[in-house]
Protein backbone atom coordinates (compact mmCIF):
# COMPACT_ATOMS: atom_id res chain seq x y z
CA UNK A 1 0.54 -6.28 -6.38
CA UNK A 2 -0.36 -2.62 -5.79
CA UNK A 3 1.50 -2.64 -2.44
CA UNK A 4 4.57 -4.06 -4.18
CA UNK A 5 4.46 -1.47 -6.96
CA UNK A 6 3.92 1.42 -4.54
CA UNK A 7 6.99 0.35 -2.43
CA UNK A 8 9.16 -0.32 -5.46
CA UNK A 9 8.21 3.15 -6.82
CA UNK A 10 9.07 4.79 -3.53
CA UNK A 11 12.38 2.87 -3.40
CA UNK A 12 13.24 3.87 -6.95
CA UNK A 13 12.61 7.56 -6.09
CA UNK A 14 14.92 7.22 -3.09
CA UNK A 15 17.65 5.76 -5.29
CA UNK A 16 17.25 8.49 -7.85
CA UNK A 17 17.45 11.19 -5.09
CA UNK A 18 20.69 9.60 -3.86
CA UNK A 19 22.12 9.61 -7.39
CA UNK A 20 21.27 13.26 -7.75
CA UNK A 21 23.32 13.91 -4.62
CA UNK A 22 20.41 15.05 -2.45
CA UNK A 23 20.63 14.73 1.38
CA UNK A 24 19.42 11.23 2.28
CA UNK A 25 19.06 11.04 6.05
CA UNK A 26 15.53 12.57 6.24
CA UNK A 27 14.42 10.77 3.05
CA UNK A 28 15.56 7.39 4.29
CA UNK A 29 13.93 7.90 7.66
CA UNK A 30 10.59 8.87 6.03
CA UNK A 31 10.86 5.99 3.58
CA UNK A 32 11.54 3.44 6.38
CA UNK A 33 8.65 4.87 8.51
CA UNK A 34 6.21 4.86 5.55
CA UNK A 35 7.28 1.32 4.54
CA UNK A 36 6.70 -0.15 8.04
CA UNK A 37 3.27 1.64 8.35
CA UNK A 38 2.10 0.55 4.94
CA UNK A 39 3.21 -3.04 5.54
CA UNK A 40 1.46 -3.10 8.86
CA UNK A 41 -1.76 -1.77 7.35
CA UNK A 42 -1.56 -4.22 4.42
CA UNK A 43 -0.91 -7.22 6.68
CA UNK A 44 -3.78 -6.27 9.06
CA UNK A 45 -6.18 -5.78 6.18
CA UNK A 46 -5.35 -8.97 4.34
CA UNK A 47 -4.09 -11.58 6.77
CA UNK A 48 -4.39 -10.75 10.45
CA UNK A 49 -6.85 -13.12 12.17
CA UNK A 50 -8.06 -14.49 8.79
CA UNK A 51 -6.12 -17.74 8.53
CA UNK A 52 -9.04 -19.82 9.90
CA UNK A 53 -11.21 -18.54 7.12
CA UNK A 54 -8.99 -19.58 4.23
CA UNK A 55 -10.60 -22.98 4.04
CA UNK A 56 -14.16 -21.77 4.09
CA UNK A 57 -15.41 -20.95 0.58
CA UNK A 58 -18.32 -18.76 1.64
CA UNK A 59 -16.27 -16.63 4.00
CA UNK A 60 -13.39 -16.28 1.60
CA UNK A 61 -15.71 -15.29 -1.21
CA UNK A 62 -17.32 -12.67 0.96
CA UNK A 63 -13.89 -11.41 2.17
CA UNK A 64 -12.74 -11.22 -1.46
CA UNK A 65 -15.74 -9.23 -2.61
CA UNK A 66 -15.42 -6.93 0.37
CA UNK A 67 -11.66 -6.43 -0.19
CA UNK A 68 -12.26 -5.82 -3.89
CA UNK A 69 -15.01 -3.31 -3.20
CA UNK A 70 -12.96 -1.47 -0.56
CA UNK A 71 -9.98 -1.48 -2.99
CA UNK A 72 -11.92 0.45 -5.56
CA UNK A 73 -13.57 2.76 -3.03
CA UNK A 74 -10.23 3.43 -1.31
CA UNK A 75 -7.03 2.87 -3.25
CA UNK A 76 -8.20 2.96 -6.88
CA UNK A 77 -10.47 5.97 -6.48
CA UNK A 78 -7.74 8.23 -5.06
CA UNK A 79 -6.35 9.48 -8.33
CA UNK A 80 -9.88 10.49 -9.38
CA UNK A 81 -10.75 12.22 -6.10
CA UNK A 82 -7.97 14.84 -6.31
CA UNK A 83 -9.47 18.27 -7.10
CA UNK A 84 -7.52 20.34 -9.65
CA UNK A 85 -6.13 23.52 -8.17
CA UNK A 86 -5.43 25.08 -11.62
């Protein structure tokens, strides 16, 4: 769900920029490039070469725990790792 909310937020920002009359060509190009890159990373992390494991409880449990741990170390920790420059 995080990936969906990130992409929806980026799309909403793109729409708001267009409504404000800002130049869109560079923004749309960046949005499309970032979307493709993030989808590719998400797919590779979650599904690529893992279909054979979906029926194996022990492997899926281990994959879930690893994905959950990496989520909190990676994605969820990012807002807390930014150092204030104030």
